Amino acid sequence: MVTLNKKLLETTAVLYIEGLGLCEHCQMLLSIENMPAESMDAEWRCPECNGTLTSKTFGYDETPQGCKKTQWVGPDKKWTSERPTSPFNLGHLRIETYRVAYFPP
């Protein structure tokens, strides 16, 4: 089991849109950035409510071809089915929207 790092969101100034999510249980803003590779197969927990997180937490839906990103956290800190194209702020966090090479479209 891995509990996502709440401190990351308190100290990091820039995050990328593809790694953001909202807890399925308490709606806390979460990020998978800076997660160690060995934690990818672990059961993830929300640092706020300790709820179990799934791919839906980060906007991915299961398809016959695998997981596909279908939702993004928007400027209002709510899910949107349209990927934001301009950077925005969520509190002290700057959310960058350009594509990062390690997240395929």
PDB file of N, CA and C in Angstrom:
ATOM      1  N   MET A   1       0.838  -1.176   0.000  1.00  0.00           N
ATOM      2  CA  MET A   1       0.000   0.000   0.000  1.00  0.00           C
ATOM      3  C   MET A   1       0.887   1.246   0.000  1.00  0.00           C
ATOM      4  N   VAL A   2       0.526   2.235  -0.807  1.00  0.00           N
ATOM      5  CA  VAL A   2       1.242   3.502  -0.879  1.00  0.00           C
ATOM      6  C   VAL A   2       0.252   4.617  -0.608  1.00  0.00           C
ATOM      7  N   THR A   3       0.597   5.496   0.318  1.00  0.00           N
ATOM      8  CA  THR A   3      -0.210   6.687   0.552  1.00  0.00           C
ATOM      9  C   THR A   3       0.421   7.813  -0.231  1.00  0.00           C
ATOM     10  N   LEU A   4      -0.348   8.465  -1.096  1.00  0.00           N
ATOM     11  CA  LEU A   4       0.195   9.544  -1.902  1.00  0.00           C
ATOM     12  C   LEU A   4       0.704  10.657  -1.010  1.00  0.00           C
ATOM     13  N   ASN A   5       1.714  11.359  -1.475  1.00  0.00           N
ATOM     14  CA  ASN A   5       2.405  12.367  -0.694  1.00  0.00           C
ATOM     15  C   ASN A   5       1.628  13.686  -0.664  1.00  0.00           C
ATOM     16  N   LYS A   6       1.014  13.982   0.458  1.00  0.00           N
ATOM     17  CA  LYS A   6       0.253  15.219   0.623  1.00  0.00           C
ATOM     18  C   LYS A   6       1.186  16.431   0.604  1.00  0.00           C
ATOM     19  N   LYS A   7       2.423  16.264   1.087  1.00  0.00           N
ATOM     20  CA  LYS A   7       3.389  17.363   1.132  1.00  0.00           C
ATOM     21  C   LYS A   7       3.711  17.877  -0.261  1.00  0.00           C
ATOM     22  N   LEU A   8       3.691  16.976  -1.275  1.00  0.00           N
ATOM     23  CA  LEU A   8       3.984  17.396  -2.645  1.00  0.00           C
ATOM     24  C   LEU A   8       3.075  18.539  -3.062  1.00  0.00           C
ATOM     25  N   LEU A   9       1.797  18.420  -2.767  1.00  0.00           N
ATOM     26  CA  LEU A   9       0.844  19.451  -3.164  1.00  0.00           C
ATOM     27  C   LEU A   9       0.971  20.715  -2.324  1.00  0.00           C
ATOM     28  N   GLU A  10       1.596  20.605  -1.166  1.00  0.00           N
ATOM     29  CA  GLU A  10       1.777  21.775  -0.316  1.00  0.00           C
ATOM     30  C   GLU A  10       3.048  22.530  -0.657  1.00  0.00           C
ATOM     31  N   THR A  11       4.018  21.869  -1.304  1.00  0.00           N
ATOM     32  CA  THR A  11       5.309  22.495  -1.537  1.00  0.00           C
ATOM     33  C   THR A  11       5.658  22.687  -3.011  1.00  0.00           C
ATOM     34  N   THR A  12       5.084  21.905  -3.899  1.00  0.00           N
ATOM     35  CA  THR A  12       5.419  21.991  -5.312  1.00  0.00           C
ATOM     36  C   THR A  12       4.686  23.169  -5.941  1.00  0.00           C
ATOM     37  N   ALA A  13       5.375  23.890  -6.796  1.00  0.00           N
ATOM     38  CA  ALA A  13       4.775  25.058  -7.430  1.00  0.00           C
ATOM     39  C   ALA A  13       4.159  24.721  -8.784  1.00  0.00           C
ATOM     40  N   VAL A  14       4.726  23.754  -9.518  1.00  0.00           N
ATOM     41  CA  VAL A  14       4.248  23.426 -10.857  1.00  0.00           C
ATOM     42  C   VAL A  14       3.944  21.933 -10.943  1.00  0.00           C
ATOM     43  N   LEU A  15       2.752  21.605 -11.435  1.00  0.00           N
ATOM     44  CA  LEU A  15       2.363  20.223 -11.695  1.00  0.00           C
ATOM     45  C   LEU A  15       1.847  20.140 -13.125  1.00  0.00           C
ATOM     46  N   TYR A  16       1.796  18.932 -13.671  1.00  0.00           N
ATOM     47  CA  TYR A  16       1.335  18.744 -15.037  1.00  0.00           C
ATOM     48  C   TYR A  16      -0.063  18.141 -15.043  1.00  0.00           C
ATOM     49  N   ILE A  17      -0.887  18.608 -15.957  1.00  0.00           N
ATOM     50  CA  ILE A  17      -2.301  18.239 -16.032  1.00  0.00           C
ATOM     51  C   ILE A  17      -2.512  16.732 -16.111  1.00  0.00           C
ATOM     52  N   GLU A  18      -1.639  16.021 -16.800  1.00  0.00           N
ATOM     53  CA  GLU A  18      -1.831  14.587 -17.004  1.00  0.00           C
ATOM     54  C   GLU A  18      -1.702  13.779 -15.714  1.00  0.00           C
ATOM     55  N   GLY A  19      -0.968  14.292 -14.727  1.00  0.00           N
ATOM     56  CA  GLY A  19      -0.756  13.560 -13.485  1.00  0.00           C
ATOM     57  C   GLY A  19      -1.708  13.919 -12.372  1.00  0.00           C
ATOM     58  N   LEU A  20      -2.650  14.836 -12.624  1.00  0.00           N
ATOM     59  CA  LEU A  20      -3.579  15.271 -11.573  1.00  0.00           C
ATOM     60  C   LEU A  20      -4.801  14.372 -11.484  1.00  0.00           C
ATOM     61  N   GLY A  21      -5.359  14.302 -10.303  1.00  0.00           N
ATOM     62  CA  GLY A  21      -6.596  13.557 -10.091  1.00  0.00           C
ATOM     63  C   GLY A  21      -7.335  14.083  -8.883  1.00  0.00           C
ATOM     64  N   LEU A  22      -8.530  13.548  -8.680  1.00  0.00           N
ATOM     65  CA  LEU A  22      -9.349  13.879  -7.517  1.00  0.00           C
ATOM     66  C   LEU A  22      -9.731  12.583  -6.828  1.00  0.00           C
ATOM     67  N   CYS A  23      -9.535  12.531  -5.522  1.00  0.00           N
ATOM     68  CA  CYS A  23      -9.900  11.336  -4.763  1.00  0.00           C
ATOM     69  C   CYS A  23     -11.366  10.993  -5.027  1.00  0.00           C
ATOM     70  N   GLU A  24     -11.624   9.737  -5.286  1.00  0.00           N
ATOM     71  CA  GLU A  24     -12.992   9.273  -5.549  1.00  0.00           C
ATOM     72  C   GLU A  24     -13.890   9.362  -4.320  1.00  0.00           C
ATOM     73  N   HIS A  25     -13.279   9.499  -3.141  1.00  0.00           N
ATOM     74  CA  HIS A  25     -14.035   9.473  -1.884  1.00  0.00           C
ATOM     75  C   HIS A  25     -14.223  10.857  -1.273  1.00  0.00           C
ATOM     76  N   CYS A  26     -13.156  11.683  -1.285  1.00  0.00           N
ATOM     77  CA  CYS A  26     -13.236  12.986  -0.603  1.00  0.00           C
ATOM     78  C   CYS A  26     -12.949  14.170  -1.528  1.00  0.00           C
ATOM     79  N   GLN A  27     -12.636  13.917  -2.795  1.00  0.00           N
ATOM     80  CA  GLN A  27     -12.369  14.951  -3.805  1.00  0.00           C
ATOM     81  C   GLN A  27     -11.094  15.747  -3.563  1.00  0.00           C
ATOM     82  N   MET A  28     -10.169  15.230  -2.734  1.00  0.00           N
ATOM     83  CA  MET A  28      -8.899  15.909  -2.541  1.00  0.00           C
ATOM     84  C   MET A  28      -8.108  15.895  -3.847  1.00  0.00           C
ATOM     85  N   LEU A  29      -7.465  17.008  -4.176  1.00  0.00           N
ATOM     86  CA  LEU A  29      -6.604  17.084  -5.349  1.00  0.00           C
ATOM     87  C   LEU A  29      -5.365  16.234  -5.102  1.00  0.00           C
ATOM     88  N   LEU A  30      -5.039  15.366  -6.054  1.00  0.00           N
ATOM     89  CA  LEU A  30      -3.904  14.457  -5.932  1.00  0.00           C
ATOM     90  C   LEU A  30      -3.033  14.524  -7.177  1.00  0.00           C
ATOM     91  N   SER A  31      -1.778  14.113  -7.054  1.00  0.00           N
ATOM     92  CA  SER A  31      -0.876  14.047  -8.197  1.00  0.00           C
ATOM     93  C   SER A  31      -0.038  12.784  -8.101  1.00  0.00           C
ATOM     94  N   ILE A  32       0.217  12.179  -9.255  1.00  0.00           N
ATOM     95  CA  ILE A  32       1.082  10.997  -9.282  1.00  0.00           C
ATOM     96  C   ILE A  32       2.529  11.368  -9.607  1.00  0.00           C
ATOM     97  N   GLU A  33       2.812  12.661  -9.718  1.00  0.00           N
ATOM     98  CA  GLU A  33       4.176  13.084 -10.001  1.00  0.00           C
ATOM     99  C   GLU A  33       5.098  12.711  -8.854  1.00  0.00           C
ATOM    100  N   ASN A  34       6.316  12.391  -9.194  1.00  0.00           N
ATOM    101  CA  ASN A  34       7.364  12.034  -8.242  1.00  0.00           C
ATOM    102  C   ASN A  34       7.080  10.745  -7.472  1.00  0.00           C
ATOM    103  N   MET A  35       6.185   9.918  -7.988  1.00  0.00           N
ATOM    104  CA  MET A  35       5.939   8.620  -7.360  1.00  0.00           C
ATOM    105  C   MET A  35       7.060   7.667  -7.769  1.00  0.00           C
ATOM    106  N   PRO A  36       7.621   6.909  -6.843  1.00  0.00           N
ATOM    107  CA  PRO A  36       8.663   5.946  -7.213  1.00  0.00           C
ATOM    108  C   PRO A  36       8.086   4.854  -8.113  1.00  0.00           C
ATOM    109  N   ALA A  37       8.855   4.410  -9.071  1.00  0.00           N
ATOM    110  CA  ALA A  37       8.405   3.409 -10.046  1.00  0.00           C
ATOM    111  C   ALA A  37       7.896   2.144  -9.365  1.00  0.00           C
ATOM    112  N   GLU A  38       8.506   1.731  -8.265  1.00  0.00           N
ATOM    113  CA  GLU A  38       8.102   0.490  -7.595  1.00  0.00           C
ATOM    114  C   GLU A  38       6.714   0.596  -6.966  1.00  0.00           C
ATOM    115  N   SER A  39       6.199   1.797  -6.825  1.00  0.00           N
ATOM    116  CA  SER A  39       4.868   1.954  -6.228  1.00  0.00           C
ATOM    117  C   SER A  39       3.744   1.798  -7.252  1.00  0.00           C
ATOM    118  N   MET A  40       4.074   1.684  -8.523  1.00  0.00           N
ATOM    119  CA  MET A  40       3.045   1.624  -9.563  1.00  0.00           C
ATOM    120  C   MET A  40       2.135   0.407  -9.413  1.00  0.00           C
ATOM    121  N   ASP A  41       2.624  -0.698  -8.894  1.00  0.00           N
ATOM    122  CA  ASP A  41       1.808  -1.896  -8.729  1.00  0.00           C
ATOM    123  C   ASP A  41       1.198  -2.013  -7.328  1.00  0.00           C
ATOM    124  N   ALA A  42       1.431  -1.016  -6.489  1.00  0.00           N
ATOM    125  CA  ALA A  42       0.934  -1.061  -5.114  1.00  0.00           C
ATOM    126  C   ALA A  42      -0.523  -0.588  -5.057  1.00  0.00           C
ATOM    127  N   GLU A  43      -1.169  -0.859  -3.941  1.00  0.00           N
ATOM    128  CA  GLU A  43      -2.494  -0.279  -3.682  1.00  0.00           C
ATOM    129  C   GLU A  43      -2.259   1.131  -3.166  1.00  0.00           C
ATOM    130  N   TRP A  44      -2.878   2.115  -3.807  1.00  0.00           N
ATOM    131  CA  TRP A  44      -2.683   3.509  -3.424  1.00  0.00           C
ATOM    132  C   TRP A  44      -3.805   3.976  -2.516  1.00  0.00           C
ATOM    133  N   ARG A  45      -3.451   4.838  -1.566  1.00  0.00           N
ATOM    134  CA  ARG A  45      -4.407   5.393  -0.604  1.00  0.00           C
ATOM    135  C   ARG A  45      -4.350   6.918  -0.633  1.00  0.00           C
ATOM    136  N   CYS A  46      -5.490   7.532  -0.404  1.00  0.00           N
ATOM    137  CA  CYS A  46      -5.571   8.987  -0.307  1.00  0.00           C
ATOM    138  C   CYS A  46      -4.967   9.423   1.033  1.00  0.00           C
ATOM    139  N   PRO A  47      -4.133  10.469   1.034  1.00  0.00           N
ATOM    140  CA  PRO A  47      -3.538  10.920   2.298  1.00  0.00           C
ATOM    141  C   PRO A  47      -4.551  11.620   3.208  1.00  0.00           C
ATOM    142  N   GLU A  48      -5.678  12.034   2.664  1.00  0.00           N
ATOM    143  CA  GLU A  48      -6.681  12.743   3.459  1.00  0.00           C
ATOM    144  C   GLU A  48      -7.670  11.783   4.118  1.00  0.00           C
ATOM    145  N   CYS A  49      -8.301  10.903   3.307  1.00  0.00           N
ATOM    146  CA  CYS A  49      -9.360  10.038   3.844  1.00  0.00           C
ATOM    147  C   CYS A  49      -8.951   8.565   3.925  1.00  0.00           C
ATOM    148  N   ASN A  50      -7.770   8.223   3.409  1.00  0.00           N
ATOM    149  CA  ASN A  50      -7.235   6.862   3.399  1.00  0.00           C
ATOM    150  C   ASN A  50      -8.041   5.925   2.484  1.00  0.00           C
ATOM    151  N   GLY A  51      -8.882   6.491   1.617  1.00  0.00           N
ATOM    152  CA  GLY A  51      -9.650   5.678   0.675  1.00  0.00           C
ATOM    153  C   GLY A  51      -8.740   5.069  -0.392  1.00  0.00           C
ATOM    154  N   THR A  52      -9.115   3.907  -0.894  1.00  0.00           N
ATOM    155  CA  THR A  52      -8.356   3.253  -1.954  1.00  0.00           C
ATOM    156  C   THR A  52      -8.571   3.998  -3.265  1.00  0.00           C
ATOM    157  N   LEU A  53      -7.478   4.249  -3.982  1.00  0.00           N
ATOM    158  CA  LEU A  53      -7.538   4.968  -5.246  1.00  0.00           C
ATOM    159  C   LEU A  53      -7.444   3.999  -6.412  1.00  0.00           C
ATOM    160  N   THR A  54      -8.095   4.346  -7.506  1.00  0.00           N
ATOM    161  CA  THR A  54      -8.062   3.529  -8.719  1.00  0.00           C
ATOM    162  C   THR A  54      -7.658   4.412  -9.892  1.00  0.00           C
ATOM    163  N   SER A  55      -7.643   3.833 -11.078  1.00  0.00           N
ATOM    164  CA  SER A  55      -7.305   4.611 -12.277  1.00  0.00           C
ATOM    165  C   SER A  55      -8.309   5.740 -12.501  1.00  0.00           C
ATOM    166  N   LYS A  56      -9.545   5.568 -12.054  1.00  0.00           N
ATOM    167  CA  LYS A  56     -10.556   6.625 -12.183  1.00  0.00           C
ATOM    168  C   LYS A  56     -10.169   7.873 -11.389  1.00  0.00           C
ATOM    169  N   THR A  57      -9.408   7.701 -10.312  1.00  0.00           N
ATOM    170  CA  THR A  57      -8.935   8.831  -9.519  1.00  0.00           C
ATOM    171  C   THR A  57      -8.166   9.811 -10.383  1.00  0.00           C
ATOM    172  N   PHE A  58      -7.473   9.308 -11.403  1.00  0.00           N
ATOM    173  CA  PHE A  58      -6.638  10.136 -12.260  1.00  0.00           C
ATOM    174  C   PHE A  58      -7.241  10.321 -13.647  1.00  0.00           C
ATOM    175  N   GLY A  59      -8.543  10.037 -13.782  1.00  0.00           N
ATOM    176  CA  GLY A  59      -9.261  10.321 -15.016  1.00  0.00           C
ATOM    177  C   GLY A  59      -9.132   9.273 -16.108  1.00  0.00           C
ATOM    178  N   TYR A  60      -8.733   8.061 -15.746  1.00  0.00           N
ATOM    179  CA  TYR A  60      -8.578   6.997 -16.737  1.00  0.00           C
ATOM    180  C   TYR A  60      -9.755   6.031 -16.674  1.00  0.00           C
ATOM    181  N   ASP A  61     -10.206   5.609 -17.855  1.00  0.00           N
ATOM    182  CA  ASP A  61     -11.251   4.592 -17.964  1.00  0.00           C
ATOM    183  C   ASP A  61     -10.661   3.343 -18.588  1.00  0.00           C
ATOM    184  N   GLU A  62     -11.139   2.195 -18.141  1.00  0.00           N
ATOM    185  CA  GLU A  62     -10.715   0.917 -18.719  1.00  0.00           C
ATOM    186  C   GLU A  62     -11.414   0.725 -20.064  1.00  0.00           C
ATOM    187  N   THR A  63     -10.660   0.350 -21.089  1.00  0.00           N
ATOM    188  CA  THR A  63     -11.205   0.030 -22.402  1.00  0.00           C
ATOM    189  C   THR A  63     -10.637  -1.317 -22.817  1.00  0.00           C
ATOM    190  N   PRO A  64     -11.183  -1.953 -23.832  1.00  0.00           N
ATOM    191  CA  PRO A  64     -10.606  -3.224 -24.295  1.00  0.00           C
ATOM    192  C   PRO A  64      -9.131  -3.082 -24.717  1.00  0.00           C
ATOM    193  N   GLN A  65      -8.740  -1.865 -25.122  1.00  0.00           N
ATOM    194  CA  GLN A  65      -7.349  -1.622 -25.519  1.00  0.00           C
ATOM    195  C   GLN A  65      -6.457  -1.219 -24.344  1.00  0.00           C
ATOM    196  N   GLY A  66      -7.016  -1.102 -23.155  1.00  0.00           N
ATOM    197  CA  GLY A  66      -6.254  -0.679 -21.979  1.00  0.00           C
ATOM    198  C   GLY A  66      -6.870   0.576 -21.380  1.00  0.00           C
ATOM    199  N   CYS A  67      -6.108   1.260 -20.552  1.00  0.00           N
ATOM    200  CA  CYS A  67      -6.606   2.486 -19.921  1.00  0.00           C
ATOM    201  C   CYS A  67      -6.483   3.664 -20.881  1.00  0.00           C
ATOM    202  N   LYS A  68      -7.469   4.554 -20.825  1.00  0.00           N
ATOM    203  CA  LYS A  68      -7.464   5.752 -21.655  1.00  0.00           C
ATOM    204  C   LYS A  68      -7.866   6.940 -20.794  1.00  0.00           C
ATOM    205  N   LYS A  69      -7.111   8.032 -20.907  1.00  0.00           N
ATOM    206  CA  LYS A  69      -7.419   9.249 -20.152  1.00  0.00           C
ATOM    207  C   LYS A  69      -8.648   9.899 -20.779  1.00  0.00           C
ATOM    208  N   THR A  70      -9.702  10.064 -19.987  1.00  0.00           N
ATOM    209  CA  THR A  70     -10.953  10.629 -20.500  1.00  0.00           C
ATOM    210  C   THR A  70     -11.410  11.852 -19.720  1.00  0.00           C
ATOM    211  N   GLN A  71     -10.775  12.119 -18.583  1.00  0.00           N
ATOM    212  CA  GLN A  71     -11.143  13.274 -17.771  1.00  0.00           C
ATOM    213  C   GLN A  71      -9.895  13.936 -17.223  1.00  0.00           C
ATOM    214  N   TRP A  72      -9.980  15.254 -17.046  1.00  0.00           N
ATOM    215  CA  TRP A  72      -8.885  16.047 -16.509  1.00  0.00           C
ATOM    216  C   TRP A  72      -9.434  16.946 -15.422  1.00  0.00           C
ATOM    217  N   VAL A  73      -8.575  17.317 -14.470  1.00  0.00           N
ATOM    218  CA  VAL A  73      -8.961  18.284 -13.451  1.00  0.00           C
ATOM    219  C   VAL A  73      -8.894  19.660 -14.111  1.00  0.00           C
ATOM    220  N   GLY A  74     -10.003  20.403 -14.033  1.00  0.00           N
ATOM    221  CA  GLY A  74     -10.068  21.719 -14.661  1.00  0.00           C
ATOM    222  C   GLY A  74      -9.749  22.847 -13.705  1.00  0.00           C
ATOM    223  N   PRO A  75      -9.772  24.080 -14.211  1.00  0.00           N
ATOM    224  CA  PRO A  75      -9.453  25.261 -13.395  1.00  0.00           C
ATOM    225  C   PRO A  75     -10.379  25.463 -12.197  1.00  0.00           C
ATOM    226  N   ASP A  76     -11.563  24.844 -12.239  1.00  0.00           N
ATOM    227  CA  ASP A  76     -12.491  24.950 -11.113  1.00  0.00           C
ATOM    228  C   ASP A  76     -12.323  23.809 -10.112  1.00  0.00           C
ATOM    229  N   LYS A  77     -11.258  23.018 -10.293  1.00  0.00           N
ATOM    230  CA  LYS A  77     -10.946  21.863  -9.440  1.00  0.00           C
ATOM    231  C   LYS A  77     -12.058  20.816  -9.508  1.00  0.00           C
ATOM    232  N   LYS A  78     -12.653  20.691 -10.702  1.00  0.00           N
ATOM    233  CA  LYS A  78     -13.666  19.673 -10.965  1.00  0.00           C
ATOM    234  C   LYS A  78     -13.278  18.950 -12.242  1.00  0.00           C
ATOM    235  N   TRP A  79     -13.831  17.749 -12.425  1.00  0.00           N
ATOM    236  CA  TRP A  79     -13.553  16.974 -13.632  1.00  0.00           C
ATOM    237  C   TRP A  79     -14.122  17.667 -14.860  1.00  0.00           C
ATOM    238  N   THR A  80     -13.392  17.568 -15.961  1.00  0.00           N
ATOM    239  CA  THR A  80     -13.863  18.029 -17.254  1.00  0.00           C
ATOM    240  C   THR A  80     -13.495  16.974 -18.291  1.00  0.00           C
ATOM    241  N   SER A  81     -14.365  16.777 -19.275  1.00  0.00           N
ATOM    242  CA  SER A  81     -14.072  15.793 -20.314  1.00  0.00           C
ATOM    243  C   SER A  81     -13.264  16.408 -21.451  1.00  0.00           C
ATOM    244  N   GLU A  82     -13.049  17.724 -21.399  1.00  0.00           N
ATOM    245  CA  GLU A  82     -12.189  18.387 -22.374  1.00  0.00           C
ATOM    246  C   GLU A  82     -10.871  18.731 -21.711  1.00  0.00           C
ATOM    247  N   ARG A  83      -9.785  18.312 -22.346  1.00  0.00           N
ATOM    248  CA  ARG A  83      -8.454  18.572 -21.788  1.00  0.00           C
ATOM    249  C   ARG A  83      -8.152  20.069 -21.847  1.00  0.00           C
ATOM    250  N   PRO A  84      -7.859  20.713 -20.712  1.00  0.00           N
ATOM    251  CA  PRO A  84      -7.496  22.125 -20.741  1.00  0.00           C
ATOM    252  C   PRO A  84      -6.250  22.333 -21.614  1.00  0.00           C
ATOM    253  N   THR A  85      -6.239  23.432 -22.359  1.00  0.00           N
ATOM    254  CA  THR A  85      -5.117  23.694 -23.264  1.00  0.00           C
ATOM    255  C   THR A  85      -4.259  24.865 -22.812  1.00  0.00           C
ATOM    256  N   SER A  86      -4.733  25.625 -21.832  1.00  0.00           N
ATOM    257  CA  SER A  86      -3.960  26.754 -21.313  1.00  0.00           C
ATOM    258  C   SER A  86      -3.606  26.497 -19.859  1.00  0.00           C
ATOM    259  N   PRO A  87      -2.394  26.890 -19.446  1.00  0.00           N
ATOM    260  CA  PRO A  87      -2.006  26.737 -18.037  1.00  0.00           C
ATOM    261  C   PRO A  87      -2.968  27.511 -17.128  1.00  0.00           C
ATOM    262  N   PHE A  88      -3.118  27.029 -15.888  1.00  0.00           N
ATOM    263  CA  PHE A  88      -3.987  27.704 -14.923  1.00  0.00           C
ATOM    264  C   PHE A  88      -3.467  27.470 -13.524  1.00  0.00           C
ATOM    265  N   ASN A  89      -4.009  28.209 -12.582  1.00  0.00           N
ATOM    266  CA  ASN A  89      -3.626  28.094 -11.179  1.00  0.00           C
ATOM    267  C   ASN A  89      -4.724  27.404 -10.386  1.00  0.00           C
ATOM    268  N   LEU A  90      -4.311  26.558  -9.464  1.00  0.00           N
ATOM    269  CA  LEU A  90      -5.195  25.978  -8.444  1.00  0.00           C
ATOM    270  C   LEU A  90      -4.544  26.328  -7.114  1.00  0.00           C
ATOM    271  N   GLY A  91      -5.007  27.392  -6.493  1.00  0.00           N
ATOM    272  CA  GLY A  91      -4.345  27.864  -5.284  1.00  0.00           C
ATOM    273  C   GLY A  91      -2.929  28.296  -5.620  1.00  0.00           C
ATOM    274  N   HIS A  92      -1.950  27.804  -4.878  1.00  0.00           N
ATOM    275  CA  HIS A  92      -0.549  28.156  -5.133  1.00  0.00           C
ATOM    276  C   HIS A  92       0.086  27.312  -6.233  1.00  0.00           C
ATOM    277  N   LEU A  93      -0.638  26.332  -6.754  1.00  0.00           N
ATOM    278  CA  LEU A  93      -0.105  25.443  -7.779  1.00  0.00           C
ATOM    279  C   LEU A  93      -0.310  26.004  -9.175  1.00  0.00           C
ATOM    280  N   ARG A  94       0.702  25.939  -9.997  1.00  0.00           N
ATOM    281  CA  ARG A  94       0.602  26.288 -11.413  1.00  0.00           C
ATOM    282  C   ARG A  94       0.454  24.976 -12.164  1.00  0.00           C
ATOM    283  N   ILE A  95      -0.623  24.829 -12.919  1.00  0.00           N
ATOM    284  CA  ILE A  95      -0.888  23.607 -13.669  1.00  0.00           C
ATOM    285  C   ILE A  95      -0.499  23.844 -15.119  1.00  0.00           C
ATOM    286  N   GLU A  96       0.489  23.100 -15.574  1.00  0.00           N
ATOM    287  CA  GLU A  96       0.957  23.196 -16.959  1.00  0.00           C
ATOM    288  C   GLU A  96       0.182  22.214 -17.816  1.00  0.00           C
ATOM    289  N   THR A  97      -0.118  22.602 -19.043  1.00  0.00           N
ATOM    290  CA  THR A  97      -0.970  21.779 -19.893  1.00  0.00           C
ATOM    291  C   THR A  97      -0.269  21.244 -21.134  1.00  0.00           C
ATOM    292  N   TYR A  98       1.002  21.605 -21.350  1.00  0.00           N
ATOM    293  CA  TYR A  98       1.666  21.036 -22.518  1.00  0.00           C
ATOM    294  C   TYR A  98       1.923  19.555 -22.285  1.00  0.00           C
ATOM    295  N   ARG A  99       1.974  18.812 -23.343  1.00  0.00           N
ATOM    296  CA  ARG A  99       2.133  17.360 -23.241  1.00  0.00           C
ATOM    297  C   ARG A  99       3.543  16.993 -22.803  1.00  0.00           C
ATOM    298  N   VAL A 100       3.619  16.070 -21.868  1.00  0.00           N
ATOM    299  CA  VAL A 100       4.893  15.562 -21.369  1.00  0.00           C
ATOM    300  C   VAL A 100       5.135  14.221 -22.053  1.00  0.00           C
ATOM    301  N   ALA A 101       6.352  13.952 -22.466  1.00  0.00           N
ATOM    302  CA  ALA A 101       6.668  12.777 -23.279  1.00  0.00           C
ATOM    303  C   ALA A 101       6.275  11.457 -22.631  1.00  0.00           C
ATOM    304  N   TYR A 102       6.271  11.357 -21.289  1.00  0.00           N
ATOM    305  CA  TYR A 102       5.979  10.067 -20.663  1.00  0.00           C
ATOM    306  C   TYR A 102       4.482   9.791 -20.505  1.00  0.00           C
ATOM    307  N   PHE A 103       3.620  10.660 -20.999  1.00  0.00           N
ATOM    308  CA  PHE A 103       2.177  10.408 -21.000  1.00  0.00           C
ATOM    309  C   PHE A 103       1.688  10.420 -22.443  1.00  0.00           C
ATOM    310  N   PRO A 104       1.425   9.263 -23.045  1.00  0.00           N
ATOM    311  CA  PRO A 104       0.953   9.260 -24.440  1.00  0.00           C
ATOM    312  C   PRO A 104      -0.441   9.880 -24.537  1.00  0.00           C
ATOM    313  N   PRO A 105      -0.753  10.479 -25.706  1.00  0.00           N
ATOM    314  CA  PRO A 105      -2.074  11.120 -25.867  1.00  0.00           C
ATOM    315  C   PRO A 105      -3.207  10.119 -25.809  1.00  0.00           C
TER     316      PRO A 105
END
